[in-house]
């Protein structure tokens, strides 16, 4: 579509991933402001080993960033609950969960209140300031519009909506994270906690807090030297997948 002196590219919306395999289902939960591409490679690789893999898409994610502003963390949590129930309705009694960043927080919360087989959390924060979350949304919106091919002037005009957004929803987001972390002692399922050593040091600290506060008899913690925040897309991807498969079988 031509617009002004340049071209605006229409970015296709992301979709959920559902790969049917054996009777052990794996629910894969993506990060904030991202989408199911976070989990696509992992899903494909563990599906090759026979597992059923389901990666849902949270509302407002994987599409125009303006849609993200219509929802909050409670909506995304409900999407996760619905996805877990979907697998139950499909007849799966054995469900493991892998979550990245906020997907990891959702994984922890599921482990606190539902019956799951195993939990694997990646790059999980134990806190996130509302201002940092707002900056994350603004950066996401800017990069999305840049990929679309919009002019600097048009982007600056459209990004103003994001600059003016209230922190109220993001305060709720922070409270959701904190309340989940406060209930770590309710987790007793086998759990693996992975983080990237090239990520913000908050995440290595968070990994240790989670490891030290869950009541799981089987638990593992590991840092990956070549990984940043999006571990599932990084240089340690193959090692990470192997560790996930090993943890499922231990």
C-alpha atoms as a PDB file:
ATOM      1  CA  UNK A   1       0.000   0.000   0.000  1.00  0.00           C
ATOM      2  CA  UNK A   2       1.493   3.321  -1.092  1.00  0.00           C
ATOM      3  CA  UNK A   3       1.326   6.180   1.329  1.00  0.00           C
ATOM      4  CA  UNK A   4       2.990   9.558   0.826  1.00  0.00           C
ATOM      5  CA  UNK A   5       6.401   9.158  -0.764  1.00  0.00           C
ATOM      6  CA  UNK A   6       7.085   5.705   0.648  1.00  0.00           C
ATOM      7  CA  UNK A   7       5.454   2.372   1.091  1.00  0.00           C
ATOM      8  CA  UNK A   8       3.748   1.078   4.212  1.00  0.00           C
ATOM      9  CA  UNK A   9       4.092  -2.665   4.659  1.00  0.00           C
ATOM     10  CA  UNK A  10       1.143  -4.541   6.104  1.00  0.00           C
ATOM     11  CA  UNK A  11       2.469  -6.897   8.789  1.00  0.00           C
ATOM     12  CA  UNK A  12       0.479 -10.092   9.038  1.00  0.00           C
ATOM     13  CA  UNK A  13      -0.858 -10.801  12.542  1.00  0.00           C
ATOM     14  CA  UNK A  14       0.721 -13.650  14.508  1.00  0.00           C
ATOM     15  CA  UNK A  15      -1.156 -16.902  15.094  1.00  0.00           C
ATOM     16  CA  UNK A  16      -1.305 -19.543  17.803  1.00  0.00           C
ATOM     17  CA  UNK A  17       0.648 -22.764  17.339  1.00  0.00           C
ATOM     18  CA  UNK A  18      -0.907 -26.193  17.881  1.00  0.00           C
ATOM     19  CA  UNK A  19       1.139 -29.270  17.021  1.00  0.00           C
ATOM     20  CA  UNK A  20      -0.557 -32.527  17.980  1.00  0.00           C
ATOM     21  CA  UNK A  21       1.598 -35.346  19.293  1.00  0.00           C
ATOM     22  CA  UNK A  22       1.413 -37.763  22.214  1.00  0.00           C
ATOM     23  CA  UNK A  23      -0.618 -37.513  25.424  1.00  0.00           C
ATOM     24  CA  UNK A  24       1.923 -35.213  27.146  1.00  0.00           C
ATOM     25  CA  UNK A  25       0.936 -31.651  26.196  1.00  0.00           C
ATOM     26  CA  UNK A  26       3.287 -28.698  26.551  1.00  0.00           C
ATOM     27  CA  UNK A  27       1.815 -25.215  26.940  1.00  0.00           C
ATOM     28  CA  UNK A  28       4.312 -22.587  25.667  1.00  0.00           C
ATOM     29  CA  UNK A  29       3.796 -18.993  26.830  1.00  0.00           C
ATOM     30  CA  UNK A  30       5.441 -16.076  25.027  1.00  0.00           C
ATOM     31  CA  UNK A  31       6.794 -12.797  26.412  1.00  0.00           C
ATOM     32  CA  UNK A  32       5.250  -9.337  26.794  1.00  0.00           C
ATOM     33  CA  UNK A  33       4.962  -7.234  23.568  1.00  0.00           C
ATOM     34  CA  UNK A  34       6.057 -10.253  21.522  1.00  0.00           C
ATOM     35  CA  UNK A  35       4.113 -13.214  20.150  1.00  0.00           C
ATOM     36  CA  UNK A  36       4.279 -16.929  19.408  1.00  0.00           C
ATOM     37  CA  UNK A  37       7.479 -16.630  17.356  1.00  0.00           C
ATOM     38  CA  UNK A  38       9.209 -16.708  20.775  1.00  0.00           C
ATOM     39  CA  UNK A  39       8.156 -20.323  21.115  1.00  0.00           C
ATOM     40  CA  UNK A  40       7.954 -21.565  17.514  1.00  0.00           C
ATOM     41  CA  UNK A  41      11.399 -23.171  17.281  1.00  0.00           C
ATOM     42  CA  UNK A  42      11.142 -24.780  20.723  1.00  0.00           C
ATOM     43  CA  UNK A  43       7.672 -26.091  19.908  1.00  0.00           C
ATOM     44  CA  UNK A  44       8.835 -27.598  16.626  1.00  0.00           C
ATOM     45  CA  UNK A  45      11.858 -29.281  18.188  1.00  0.00           C
ATOM     46  CA  UNK A  46      10.079 -30.826  21.167  1.00  0.00           C
ATOM     47  CA  UNK A  47       7.173 -31.838  18.926  1.00  0.00           C
ATOM     48  CA  UNK A  48       9.700 -33.851  16.907  1.00  0.00           C
ATOM     49  CA  UNK A  49      10.252 -35.865  20.083  1.00  0.00           C
ATOM     50  CA  UNK A  50       6.561 -36.685  20.250  1.00  0.00           C
ATOM     51  CA  UNK A  51       5.110 -34.007  22.551  1.00  0.00           C
ATOM     52  CA  UNK A  52       1.915 -32.120  21.800  1.00  0.00           C
ATOM     53  CA  UNK A  53       2.709 -28.388  21.743  1.00  0.00           C
ATOM     54  CA  UNK A  54       0.313 -25.484  22.126  1.00  0.00           C
ATOM     55  CA  UNK A  55       1.439 -21.845  22.082  1.00  0.00           C
ATOM     56  CA  UNK A  56      -1.493 -19.423  22.500  1.00  0.00           C
ATOM     57  CA  UNK A  57      -1.411 -15.763  21.503  1.00  0.00           C
ATOM     58  CA  UNK A  58      -2.348 -13.205  24.178  1.00  0.00           C
ATOM     59  CA  UNK A  59      -4.928 -10.616  23.207  1.00  0.00           C
ATOM     60  CA  UNK A  60      -3.462  -7.466  21.642  1.00  0.00           C
ATOM     61  CA  UNK A  61      -0.141  -9.164  20.862  1.00  0.00           C
ATOM     62  CA  UNK A  62       1.306  -9.960  17.453  1.00  0.00           C
ATOM     63  CA  UNK A  63      -0.639  -7.194  15.698  1.00  0.00           C
ATOM     64  CA  UNK A  64      -0.777  -3.370  15.502  1.00  0.00           C
ATOM     65  CA  UNK A  65       0.563  -1.992  18.825  1.00  0.00           C
ATOM     66  CA  UNK A  66      -2.528   0.189  19.361  1.00  0.00           C
ATOM     67  CA  UNK A  67      -4.454  -3.004  20.085  1.00  0.00           C
ATOM     68  CA  UNK A  68      -2.118  -3.806  22.973  1.00  0.00           C
ATOM     69  CA  UNK A  69      -3.441  -0.745  24.827  1.00  0.00           C
ATOM     70  CA  UNK A  70      -6.943  -2.226  24.950  1.00  0.00           C
ATOM     71  CA  UNK A  71      -5.914  -5.007  27.350  1.00  0.00           C
ATOM     72  CA  UNK A  72      -4.069  -5.554  30.606  1.00  0.00           C
ATOM     73  CA  UNK A  73      -2.261  -8.328  32.444  1.00  0.00           C
ATOM     74  CA  UNK A  74      -5.483  -9.820  33.790  1.00  0.00           C
ATOM     75  CA  UNK A  75      -6.761 -10.292  30.242  1.00  0.00           C
ATOM     76  CA  UNK A  76      -3.538 -12.092  29.284  1.00  0.00           C
ATOM     77  CA  UNK A  77      -3.694 -14.237  32.392  1.00  0.00           C
ATOM     78  CA  UNK A  78      -7.246 -15.215  31.450  1.00  0.00           C
ATOM     79  CA  UNK A  79      -5.936 -16.176  27.993  1.00  0.00           C
ATOM     80  CA  UNK A  80      -3.468 -18.503  29.727  1.00  0.00           C
ATOM     81  CA  UNK A  81      -6.173 -20.014  31.949  1.00  0.00           C
ATOM     82  CA  UNK A  82      -8.345 -20.548  28.870  1.00  0.00           C
ATOM     83  CA  UNK A  83      -5.425 -22.209  27.059  1.00  0.00           C
ATOM     84  CA  UNK A  84      -4.809 -24.576  29.966  1.00  0.00           C
ATOM     85  CA  UNK A  85      -8.518 -25.422  30.019  1.00  0.00           C
ATOM     86  CA  UNK A  86      -8.444 -25.965  26.257  1.00  0.00           C
ATOM     87  CA  UNK A  87      -5.814 -28.672  26.724  1.00  0.00           C
ATOM     88  CA  UNK A  88      -7.861 -30.221  29.537  1.00  0.00           C
ATOM     89  CA  UNK A  89     -10.912 -30.223  27.246  1.00  0.00           C
ATOM     90  CA  UNK A  90      -8.809 -31.852  24.525  1.00  0.00           C
ATOM     91  CA  UNK A  91      -8.333 -34.752  26.924  1.00  0.00           C
ATOM     92  CA  UNK A  92      -4.781 -34.116  28.134  1.00  0.00           C
ATOM     93  CA  UNK A  93      -4.173 -35.112  31.738  1.00  0.00           C
ATOM     94  CA  UNK A  94      -0.425 -34.578  31.546  1.00  0.00           C
ATOM     95  CA  UNK A  95       0.402 -30.895  30.908  1.00  0.00           C
ATOM     96  CA  UNK A  96       3.779 -29.193  31.293  1.00  0.00           C
ATOM     97  CA  UNK A  97       4.315 -25.454  30.882  1.00  0.00           C
ATOM     98  CA  UNK A  98       7.207 -23.406  29.471  1.00  0.00           C
ATOM     99  CA  UNK A  99       7.099 -19.629  29.845  1.00  0.00           C
ATOM    100  CA  UNK A 100       9.362 -16.776  28.759  1.00  0.00           C
ATOM    101  CA  UNK A 101       9.475 -13.494  30.742  1.00  0.00           C
ATOM    102  CA  UNK A 102       5.836 -12.640  31.593  1.00  0.00           C
ATOM    103  CA  UNK A 103       5.045 -16.087  30.196  1.00  0.00           C
ATOM    104  CA  UNK A 104       7.289 -17.370  32.970  1.00  0.00           C
ATOM    105  CA  UNK A 105       5.279 -15.449  35.561  1.00  0.00           C
ATOM    106  CA  UNK A 106       2.112 -17.021  34.151  1.00  0.00           C
ATOM    107  CA  UNK A 107       3.822 -20.426  34.358  1.00  0.00           C
ATOM    108  CA  UNK A 108       4.626 -19.878  38.029  1.00  0.00           C
ATOM    109  CA  UNK A 109       1.057 -18.805  38.766  1.00  0.00           C
ATOM    110  CA  UNK A 110      -0.331 -21.878  36.988  1.00  0.00           C
ATOM    111  CA  UNK A 111       2.027 -24.042  39.035  1.00  0.00           C
ATOM    112  CA  UNK A 112       0.697 -22.387  42.196  1.00  0.00           C
ATOM    113  CA  UNK A 113      -2.976 -23.083  41.506  1.00  0.00           C
ATOM    114  CA  UNK A 114      -3.321 -25.867  38.936  1.00  0.00           C
ATOM    115  CA  UNK A 115      -2.120 -29.430  38.496  1.00  0.00           C
ATOM    116  CA  UNK A 116       0.741 -29.428  36.011  1.00  0.00           C
ATOM    117  CA  UNK A 117       3.414 -31.999  35.270  1.00  0.00           C
ATOM    118  CA  UNK A 118       6.537 -29.814  35.032  1.00  0.00           C
ATOM    119  CA  UNK A 119       7.319 -26.105  34.853  1.00  0.00           C
ATOM    120  CA  UNK A 120      10.140 -24.407  32.957  1.00  0.00           C
ATOM    121  CA  UNK A 121      10.604 -20.659  33.315  1.00  0.00           C
ATOM    122  CA  UNK A 122      12.933 -18.497  31.227  1.00  0.00           C
ATOM    123  CA  UNK A 123      14.075 -14.905  31.861  1.00  0.00           C
ATOM    124  CA  UNK A 124      11.549 -14.300  34.641  1.00  0.00           C
ATOM    125  CA  UNK A 125      11.475 -10.992  36.570  1.00  0.00           C
ATOM    126  CA  UNK A 126      10.474 -10.888  40.235  1.00  0.00           C
ATOM    127  CA  UNK A 127       9.564  -7.209  39.791  1.00  0.00           C
ATOM    128  CA  UNK A 128       9.136  -4.701  36.978  1.00  0.00           C
ATOM    129  CA  UNK A 129       8.659  -0.951  37.417  1.00  0.00           C
ATOM    130  CA  UNK A 130       5.635   0.524  35.576  1.00  0.00           C
ATOM    131  CA  UNK A 131       7.884   3.110  33.908  1.00  0.00           C
ATOM    132  CA  UNK A 132      10.078   0.355  32.464  1.00  0.00           C
ATOM    133  CA  UNK A 133       7.013  -1.490  31.191  1.00  0.00           C
ATOM    134  CA  UNK A 134       5.743   1.682  29.533  1.00  0.00           C
ATOM    135  CA  UNK A 135       9.105   2.196  27.848  1.00  0.00           C
ATOM    136  CA  UNK A 136       8.909  -1.394  26.598  1.00  0.00           C
ATOM    137  CA  UNK A 137       5.540  -0.683  24.963  1.00  0.00           C
ATOM    138  CA  UNK A 138       6.791   2.554  23.397  1.00  0.00           C
ATOM    139  CA  UNK A 139       9.862   0.811  21.965  1.00  0.00           C
ATOM    140  CA  UNK A 140       7.688  -1.986  20.636  1.00  0.00           C
ATOM    141  CA  UNK A 141       5.332   0.488  18.959  1.00  0.00           C
ATOM    142  CA  UNK A 142       8.222   2.476  17.457  1.00  0.00           C
ATOM    143  CA  UNK A 143       9.945  -0.627  16.052  1.00  0.00           C
ATOM    144  CA  UNK A 144       6.676  -2.024  14.675  1.00  0.00           C
ATOM    145  CA  UNK A 145       5.928   1.214  12.828  1.00  0.00           C
ATOM    146  CA  UNK A 146       9.483   1.422  11.553  1.00  0.00           C
ATOM    147  CA  UNK A 147       9.220  -2.093  10.101  1.00  0.00           C
ATOM    148  CA  UNK A 148       5.945  -1.016   8.470  1.00  0.00           C
ATOM    149  CA  UNK A 149       7.986   1.598   6.606  1.00  0.00           C
ATOM    150  CA  UNK A 150       6.295   4.674   8.014  1.00  0.00           C
ATOM    151  CA  UNK A 151       8.096   8.011   7.915  1.00  0.00           C
ATOM    152  CA  UNK A 152       9.820   9.457  10.969  1.00  0.00           C
ATOM    153  CA  UNK A 153       7.224  12.246  11.045  1.00  0.00           C
ATOM    154  CA  UNK A 154       4.287   9.827  10.922  1.00  0.00           C
ATOM    155  CA  UNK A 155       5.818   7.601  13.590  1.00  0.00           C
ATOM    156  CA  UNK A 156       6.386  10.591  15.902  1.00  0.00           C
ATOM    157  CA  UNK A 157       2.725  11.549  15.516  1.00  0.00           C
ATOM    158  CA  UNK A 158       1.386   8.027  16.119  1.00  0.00           C
ATOM    159  CA  UNK A 159       3.725   7.300  19.017  1.00  0.00           C
ATOM    160  CA  UNK A 160       2.281  10.233  20.973  1.00  0.00           C
ATOM    161  CA  UNK A 161      -0.659   8.038  22.042  1.00  0.00           C
ATOM    162  CA  UNK A 162       1.808   5.671  23.705  1.00  0.00           C
ATOM    163  CA  UNK A 163       3.773   8.482  25.378  1.00  0.00           C
ATOM    164  CA  UNK A 164       0.554   9.745  26.949  1.00  0.00           C
ATOM    165  CA  UNK A 165      -0.697   6.391  28.201  1.00  0.00           C
ATOM    166  CA  UNK A 166      -1.503   6.135  31.904  1.00  0.00           C
ATOM    167  CA  UNK A 167       0.611   3.984  34.214  1.00  0.00           C
ATOM    168  CA  UNK A 168      -2.500   2.542  35.904  1.00  0.00           C
ATOM    169  CA  UNK A 169      -2.595  -0.711  33.905  1.00  0.00           C
ATOM    170  CA  UNK A 170       1.141  -1.123  34.325  1.00  0.00           C
ATOM    171  CA  UNK A 171       0.909  -0.705  38.091  1.00  0.00           C
ATOM    172  CA  UNK A 172      -1.587  -3.594  38.007  1.00  0.00           C
ATOM    173  CA  UNK A 173       0.967  -5.509  35.908  1.00  0.00           C
ATOM    174  CA  UNK A 174       3.659  -4.948  38.547  1.00  0.00           C
ATOM    175  CA  UNK A 175       1.291  -6.026  41.326  1.00  0.00           C
ATOM    176  CA  UNK A 176       0.455  -9.216  39.414  1.00  0.00           C
ATOM    177  CA  UNK A 177       4.146 -10.104  39.227  1.00  0.00           C
ATOM    178  CA  UNK A 178       4.728  -9.354  42.905  1.00  0.00           C
ATOM    179  CA  UNK A 179       1.711 -11.349  44.098  1.00  0.00           C
ATOM    180  CA  UNK A 180       2.849 -14.345  42.051  1.00  0.00           C
ATOM    181  CA  UNK A 181       6.348 -14.177  43.514  1.00  0.00           C
ATOM    182  CA  UNK A 182       4.918 -13.923  47.048  1.00  0.00           C
ATOM    183  CA  UNK A 183       3.267 -17.332  46.555  1.00  0.00           C
ATOM    184  CA  UNK A 184       6.281 -19.289  45.314  1.00  0.00           C
ATOM    185  CA  UNK A 185       6.104 -21.558  48.353  1.00  0.00           C
ATOM    186  CA  UNK A 186       2.904 -23.040  46.893  1.00  0.00           C
ATOM    187  CA  UNK A 187       4.897 -24.557  44.035  1.00  0.00           C
ATOM    188  CA  UNK A 188       5.934 -28.172  44.510  1.00  0.00           C
ATOM    189  CA  UNK A 189       6.049 -29.495  40.930  1.00  0.00           C
ATOM    190  CA  UNK A 190       9.437 -30.177  39.307  1.00  0.00           C
ATOM    191  CA  UNK A 191      10.736 -26.853  38.021  1.00  0.00           C
ATOM    192  CA  UNK A 192      13.640 -25.618  35.878  1.00  0.00           C
ATOM    193  CA  UNK A 193      14.684 -21.964  36.050  1.00  0.00           C
ATOM    194  CA  UNK A 194      16.810 -20.703  33.155  1.00  0.00           C
ATOM    195  CA  UNK A 195      18.227 -17.231  32.465  1.00  0.00           C
ATOM    196  CA  UNK A 196      20.569 -15.527  30.013  1.00  0.00           C
ATOM    197  CA  UNK A 197      23.887 -14.367  31.432  1.00  0.00           C
ATOM    198  CA  UNK A 198      23.936 -11.465  28.953  1.00  0.00           C
ATOM    199  CA  UNK A 199      20.533 -10.250  30.114  1.00  0.00           C
ATOM    200  CA  UNK A 200      19.976  -7.554  32.764  1.00  0.00           C
ATOM    201  CA  UNK A 201      21.355  -8.817  36.104  1.00  0.00           C
ATOM    202  CA  UNK A 202      17.816  -8.579  37.516  1.00  0.00           C
ATOM    203  CA  UNK A 203      17.065 -11.886  35.813  1.00  0.00           C
ATOM    204  CA  UNK A 204      19.903 -13.882  37.354  1.00  0.00           C
ATOM    205  CA  UNK A 205      18.878 -12.487  40.748  1.00  0.00           C
ATOM    206  CA  UNK A 206      15.239 -13.363  40.045  1.00  0.00           C
ATOM    207  CA  UNK A 207      16.195 -16.903  39.030  1.00  0.00           C
ATOM    208  CA  UNK A 208      17.912 -17.441  42.370  1.00  0.00           C
ATOM    209  CA  UNK A 209      14.976 -15.990  44.325  1.00  0.00           C
ATOM    210  CA  UNK A 210      12.612 -18.380  42.549  1.00  0.00           C
ATOM    211  CA  UNK A 211      14.949 -21.344  43.052  1.00  0.00           C
ATOM    212  CA  UNK A 212      15.324 -20.635  46.776  1.00  0.00           C
ATOM    213  CA  UNK A 213      11.611 -20.117  47.474  1.00  0.00           C
ATOM    214  CA  UNK A 214       9.778 -22.883  45.628  1.00  0.00           C
ATOM    215  CA  UNK A 215       9.013 -26.080  47.532  1.00  0.00           C
ATOM    216  CA  UNK A 216       9.826 -28.376  44.626  1.00  0.00           C
ATOM    217  CA  UNK A 217      11.820 -31.486  45.463  1.00  0.00           C
ATOM    218  CA  UNK A 218      13.104 -31.545  41.877  1.00  0.00           C
ATOM    219  CA  UNK A 219      14.440 -28.170  40.791  1.00  0.00           C
ATOM    220  CA  UNK A 220      17.166 -26.913  38.500  1.00  0.00           C
ATOM    221  CA  UNK A 221      18.743 -23.528  37.808  1.00  0.00           C
ATOM    222  CA  UNK A 222      21.051 -22.645  34.933  1.00  0.00           C
ATOM    223  CA  UNK A 223      22.495 -19.581  33.204  1.00  0.00           C
ATOM    224  CA  UNK A 224      23.332 -19.527  29.489  1.00  0.00           C
ATOM    225  CA  UNK A 225      26.513 -17.659  28.584  1.00  0.00           C
ATOM    226  CA  UNK A 226      25.474 -16.530  25.092  1.00  0.00           C
ATOM    227  CA  UNK A 227      21.831 -15.691  25.847  1.00  0.00           C
ATOM    228  CA  UNK A 228      20.111 -12.353  26.291  1.00  0.00           C
ATOM    229  CA  UNK A 229      16.456 -11.908  27.260  1.00  0.00           C
ATOM    230  CA  UNK A 230      14.763 -13.797  24.421  1.00  0.00           C
ATOM    231  CA  UNK A 231      16.561 -17.038  25.174  1.00  0.00           C
ATOM    232  CA  UNK A 232      14.453 -19.132  22.813  1.00  0.00           C
ATOM    233  CA  UNK A 233      15.730 -17.077  19.850  1.00  0.00           C
ATOM    234  CA  UNK A 234      19.366 -16.752  20.917  1.00  0.00           C
ATOM    235  CA  UNK A 235      22.700 -18.443  20.290  1.00  0.00           C
ATOM    236  CA  UNK A 236      22.090 -21.032  23.032  1.00  0.00           C
ATOM    237  CA  UNK A 237      18.828 -22.175  21.474  1.00  0.00           C
ATOM    238  CA  UNK A 238      19.988 -25.705  20.692  1.00  0.00           C
ATOM    239  CA  UNK A 239      21.447 -26.199  24.182  1.00  0.00           C
ATOM    240  CA  UNK A 240      18.261 -24.806  25.696  1.00  0.00           C
ATOM    241  CA  UNK A 241      16.049 -27.210  23.745  1.00  0.00           C
ATOM    242  CA  UNK A 242      18.249 -30.141  24.779  1.00  0.00           C
ATOM    243  CA  UNK A 243      18.023 -29.073  28.420  1.00  0.00           C
ATOM    244  CA  UNK A 244      14.234 -28.787  28.184  1.00  0.00           C
ATOM    245  CA  UNK A 245      13.957 -32.293  26.752  1.00  0.00           C
ATOM    246  CA  UNK A 246      16.352 -33.659  29.372  1.00  0.00           C
ATOM    247  CA  UNK A 247      14.319 -32.040  32.141  1.00  0.00           C
ATOM    248  CA  UNK A 248      11.094 -33.584  30.814  1.00  0.00           C
ATOM    249  CA  UNK A 249      12.744 -37.003  30.964  1.00  0.00           C
ATOM    250  CA  UNK A 250      14.538 -36.794  34.310  1.00  0.00           C
END
